[in-house]
Structure formats: structure tokens, C-alpha cells
Amino acid sequence: MREAFGDITWEPREIVDLGDRVLVRVHLSAKGQRTALPIEEDIGHIYTLNEGKAVRLDIFRTWEEARRATGPRE
């Protein structure tokens, strides 16, 4: 990704505790190396925890995809 976009920043915007998983809305900011076109979007991360430590990370292209992957919530 760094070859295509150079400097990339990821900023957590929302964190949802799901017990053994954590859903995080992450704001991605980057600029194309060749085109200089800016990219600003929210993506989703789901961390799976074991004994309080992250043992798996699933990355979703959109926040909504990540939310759907966690199943229905109250």
C-alpha cells in the first residue's frame, strides 16, 4: 500500500466492545503517489481476542461490511 499511496494514516473513530471481539471504525487518509488524488474513507476492523490479546484481525473495505459481519446487535 505504501508504494501506491505513500503516507497513509489510520485513525480509530469508533470502538464497539463485543466481548471476545472488538469492532473498530477506522478513518483512512492517503494520497496517490502518482496521481496525488486524496483518499478519505471509513473502513472496518474486527479484532478477535483471546485472554485480552488480539489474535486475529479481519479488515473490511467499508464500515457497514464490518458491522454486518459481527451479526445482529441489541
N, C-alpha and C. Protein backbone atom coordinates (compact mmCIF):
# COMPACT_ATOMS: atom_id res chain seq x y z
N MET A 1 0.82 -1.20 0.00
CA MET A 1 0.00 0.00 0.00
C MET A 1 0.86 1.25 0.00
N ARG A 2 1.97 1.21 0.72
CA ARG A 2 2.82 2.41 0.78
C ARG A 2 3.40 2.76 -0.59
N GLU A 3 3.65 1.75 -1.43
CA GLU A 3 4.16 2.04 -2.78
C GLU A 3 3.12 2.81 -3.59
N ALA A 4 1.86 2.46 -3.45
CA ALA A 4 0.81 3.11 -4.22
C ALA A 4 0.39 4.45 -3.62
N PHE A 5 0.43 4.56 -2.28
CA PHE A 5 -0.14 5.74 -1.63
C PHE A 5 0.83 6.57 -0.82
N GLY A 6 2.06 6.11 -0.60
CA GLY A 6 2.98 6.90 0.21
C GLY A 6 2.52 6.94 1.66
N ASP A 7 2.36 8.12 2.19
CA ASP A 7 1.93 8.25 3.58
C ASP A 7 0.45 7.91 3.73
N ILE A 8 0.18 7.03 4.67
CA ILE A 8 -1.19 6.61 4.97
C ILE A 8 -1.40 6.79 6.46
N THR A 9 -2.56 7.31 6.82
CA THR A 9 -2.89 7.38 8.25
C THR A 9 -4.18 6.62 8.50
N TRP A 10 -4.20 5.94 9.63
CA TRP A 10 -5.38 5.23 10.11
C TRP A 10 -5.73 5.83 11.46
N GLU A 11 -6.96 6.30 11.60
CA GLU A 11 -7.39 6.91 12.86
C GLU A 11 -8.66 6.22 13.35
N PRO A 12 -8.61 5.59 14.53
CA PRO A 12 -9.84 4.98 15.06
C PRO A 12 -10.88 6.05 15.36
N ARG A 13 -12.11 5.83 14.90
CA ARG A 13 -13.18 6.80 15.11
C ARG A 13 -14.27 6.27 16.04
N GLU A 14 -14.44 4.96 16.07
CA GLU A 14 -15.47 4.37 16.92
C GLU A 14 -15.01 2.97 17.30
N ILE A 15 -15.20 2.62 18.57
CA ILE A 15 -14.81 1.30 19.07
C ILE A 15 -16.02 0.68 19.76
N VAL A 16 -16.36 -0.56 19.34
CA VAL A 16 -17.51 -1.26 19.89
C VAL A 16 -17.02 -2.56 20.51
N ASP A 17 -17.18 -2.69 21.83
CA ASP A 17 -16.78 -3.89 22.56
C ASP A 17 -17.85 -4.96 22.37
N LEU A 18 -17.47 -6.08 21.79
CA LEU A 18 -18.41 -7.18 21.56
C LEU A 18 -18.04 -8.40 22.40
N GLY A 19 -17.32 -8.20 23.48
CA GLY A 19 -16.91 -9.32 24.33
C GLY A 19 -15.60 -9.92 23.85
N ASP A 20 -15.70 -11.01 23.07
CA ASP A 20 -14.49 -11.65 22.58
C ASP A 20 -14.02 -11.05 21.25
N ARG A 21 -14.71 -10.01 20.78
CA ARG A 21 -14.30 -9.29 19.57
C ARG A 21 -14.47 -7.79 19.80
N VAL A 22 -13.72 -7.02 19.03
CA VAL A 22 -13.83 -5.57 19.08
C VAL A 22 -13.99 -5.07 17.66
N LEU A 23 -15.03 -4.27 17.43
CA LEU A 23 -15.31 -3.67 16.13
C LEU A 23 -14.80 -2.24 16.16
N VAL A 24 -13.98 -1.88 15.17
CA VAL A 24 -13.40 -0.54 15.15
C VAL A 24 -13.66 0.12 13.79
N ARG A 25 -14.27 1.31 13.83
CA ARG A 25 -14.40 2.12 12.61
C ARG A 25 -13.12 2.92 12.50
N VAL A 26 -12.42 2.75 11.38
CA VAL A 26 -11.12 3.37 11.17
C VAL A 26 -11.21 4.32 9.98
N HIS A 27 -10.77 5.55 10.18
CA HIS A 27 -10.74 6.52 9.08
C HIS A 27 -9.38 6.44 8.41
N LEU A 28 -9.40 6.14 7.11
CA LEU A 28 -8.20 6.01 6.30
C LEU A 28 -8.00 7.27 5.49
N SER A 29 -6.80 7.83 5.56
CA SER A 29 -6.44 9.01 4.75
C SER A 29 -5.15 8.69 4.02
N ALA A 30 -5.14 8.95 2.72
CA ALA A 30 -3.94 8.70 1.92
C ALA A 30 -3.99 9.59 0.69
N LYS A 31 -2.88 9.61 -0.03
CA LYS A 31 -2.81 10.35 -1.28
C LYS A 31 -2.04 9.48 -2.28
N GLY A 32 -2.57 9.35 -3.50
CA GLY A 32 -1.92 8.55 -4.52
C GLY A 32 -0.52 9.06 -4.83
N GLN A 33 0.44 8.14 -4.91
CA GLN A 33 1.83 8.54 -5.19
C GLN A 33 1.95 9.22 -6.55
N ARG A 34 1.32 8.64 -7.56
CA ARG A 34 1.47 9.17 -8.92
C ARG A 34 0.42 10.22 -9.24
N THR A 35 -0.79 10.03 -8.76
CA THR A 35 -1.88 10.94 -9.15
C THR A 35 -2.08 12.08 -8.17
N ALA A 36 -1.61 11.91 -6.95
CA ALA A 36 -1.81 12.89 -5.86
C ALA A 36 -3.28 13.04 -5.47
N LEU A 37 -4.13 12.11 -5.95
CA LEU A 37 -5.54 12.16 -5.58
C LEU A 37 -5.71 11.71 -4.14
N PRO A 38 -6.46 12.48 -3.35
CA PRO A 38 -6.66 12.11 -1.95
C PRO A 38 -7.68 10.98 -1.81
N ILE A 39 -7.48 10.18 -0.80
CA ILE A 39 -8.43 9.12 -0.45
C ILE A 39 -8.81 9.33 1.00
N GLU A 40 -10.10 9.40 1.24
CA GLU A 40 -10.65 9.56 2.59
C GLU A 40 -11.82 8.60 2.69
N GLU A 41 -11.72 7.60 3.55
CA GLU A 41 -12.85 6.69 3.72
C GLU A 41 -12.79 6.01 5.07
N ASP A 42 -13.94 5.50 5.50
CA ASP A 42 -14.01 4.73 6.73
C ASP A 42 -14.04 3.25 6.37
N ILE A 43 -13.17 2.49 7.02
CA ILE A 43 -13.13 1.05 6.84
C ILE A 43 -13.43 0.41 8.18
N GLY A 44 -13.54 -0.91 8.21
CA GLY A 44 -13.85 -1.59 9.46
C GLY A 44 -12.81 -2.63 9.81
N HIS A 45 -12.46 -2.68 11.06
CA HIS A 45 -11.58 -3.72 11.60
C HIS A 45 -12.36 -4.51 12.64
N ILE A 46 -12.19 -5.81 12.63
CA ILE A 46 -12.72 -6.65 13.71
C ILE A 46 -11.54 -7.41 14.30
N TYR A 47 -11.27 -7.14 15.57
CA TYR A 47 -10.22 -7.84 16.30
C TYR A 47 -10.86 -8.96 17.10
N THR A 48 -10.32 -10.15 16.98
CA THR A 48 -10.75 -11.27 17.81
C THR A 48 -9.76 -11.39 18.96
N LEU A 49 -10.30 -11.50 20.18
CA LEU A 49 -9.47 -11.51 21.38
C LEU A 49 -9.43 -12.89 22.02
N ASN A 50 -8.30 -13.20 22.63
CA ASN A 50 -8.14 -14.40 23.44
C ASN A 50 -7.35 -14.01 24.67
N GLU A 51 -7.96 -14.13 25.83
CA GLU A 51 -7.33 -13.73 27.09
C GLU A 51 -6.87 -12.28 27.04
N GLY A 52 -7.70 -11.43 26.43
CA GLY A 52 -7.42 -10.00 26.40
C GLY A 52 -6.42 -9.55 25.35
N LYS A 53 -5.93 -10.46 24.50
CA LYS A 53 -4.95 -10.10 23.47
C LYS A 53 -5.54 -10.36 22.10
N ALA A 54 -5.22 -9.49 21.16
CA ALA A 54 -5.69 -9.67 19.78
C ALA A 54 -4.97 -10.85 19.16
N VAL A 55 -5.76 -11.80 18.65
CA VAL A 55 -5.19 -12.98 18.00
C VAL A 55 -5.56 -13.05 16.52
N ARG A 56 -6.45 -12.17 16.10
CA ARG A 56 -6.87 -12.15 14.70
C ARG A 56 -7.38 -10.76 14.36
N LEU A 57 -7.12 -10.34 13.13
CA LEU A 57 -7.63 -9.07 12.63
C LEU A 57 -8.26 -9.31 11.27
N ASP A 58 -9.54 -8.96 11.14
CA ASP A 58 -10.23 -9.00 9.85
C ASP A 58 -10.47 -7.56 9.43
N ILE A 59 -10.10 -7.24 8.19
CA ILE A 59 -10.23 -5.88 7.68
C ILE A 59 -11.29 -5.88 6.59
N PHE A 60 -12.22 -4.93 6.69
CA PHE A 60 -13.32 -4.82 5.74
C PHE A 60 -13.22 -3.51 4.98
N ARG A 61 -13.58 -3.54 3.73
CA ARG A 61 -13.47 -2.37 2.86
C ARG A 61 -14.35 -1.22 3.34
N THR A 62 -15.48 -1.53 3.96
CA THR A 62 -16.35 -0.47 4.46
C THR A 62 -16.74 -0.76 5.91
N TRP A 63 -17.16 0.29 6.59
CA TRP A 63 -17.64 0.18 7.97
C TRP A 63 -18.90 -0.69 8.01
N GLU A 64 -19.78 -0.50 7.05
CA GLU A 64 -21.03 -1.27 7.03
C GLU A 64 -20.77 -2.76 6.85
N GLU A 65 -19.81 -3.14 6.01
CA GLU A 65 -19.47 -4.56 5.84
C GLU A 65 -18.99 -5.15 7.16
N ALA A 66 -18.18 -4.42 7.87
CA ALA A 66 -17.67 -4.90 9.16
C ALA A 66 -18.82 -5.05 10.17
N ARG A 67 -19.72 -4.07 10.19
CA ARG A 67 -20.86 -4.15 11.10
C ARG A 67 -21.73 -5.37 10.80
N ARG A 68 -21.98 -5.62 9.52
CA ARG A 68 -22.78 -6.79 9.14
C ARG A 68 -22.09 -8.09 9.53
N ALA A 69 -20.76 -8.12 9.44
CA ALA A 69 -20.02 -9.34 9.76
C ALA A 69 -20.07 -9.70 11.23
N THR A 70 -20.40 -8.73 12.09
CA THR A 70 -20.48 -9.03 13.52
C THR A 70 -21.83 -9.61 13.91
N GLY A 71 -22.77 -9.62 12.97
CA GLY A 71 -24.09 -10.17 13.26
C GLY A 71 -24.98 -9.15 13.95
N PRO A 72 -26.23 -9.54 14.21
CA PRO A 72 -27.17 -8.61 14.85
C PRO A 72 -26.72 -8.24 16.27
N ARG A 73 -26.94 -6.98 16.60
CA ARG A 73 -26.63 -6.49 17.95
C ARG A 73 -27.89 -5.89 18.54
N GLU A 74 -27.94 -5.85 19.84
CA GLU A 74 -29.10 -5.27 20.54
C GLU A 74 -29.07 -3.77 20.43
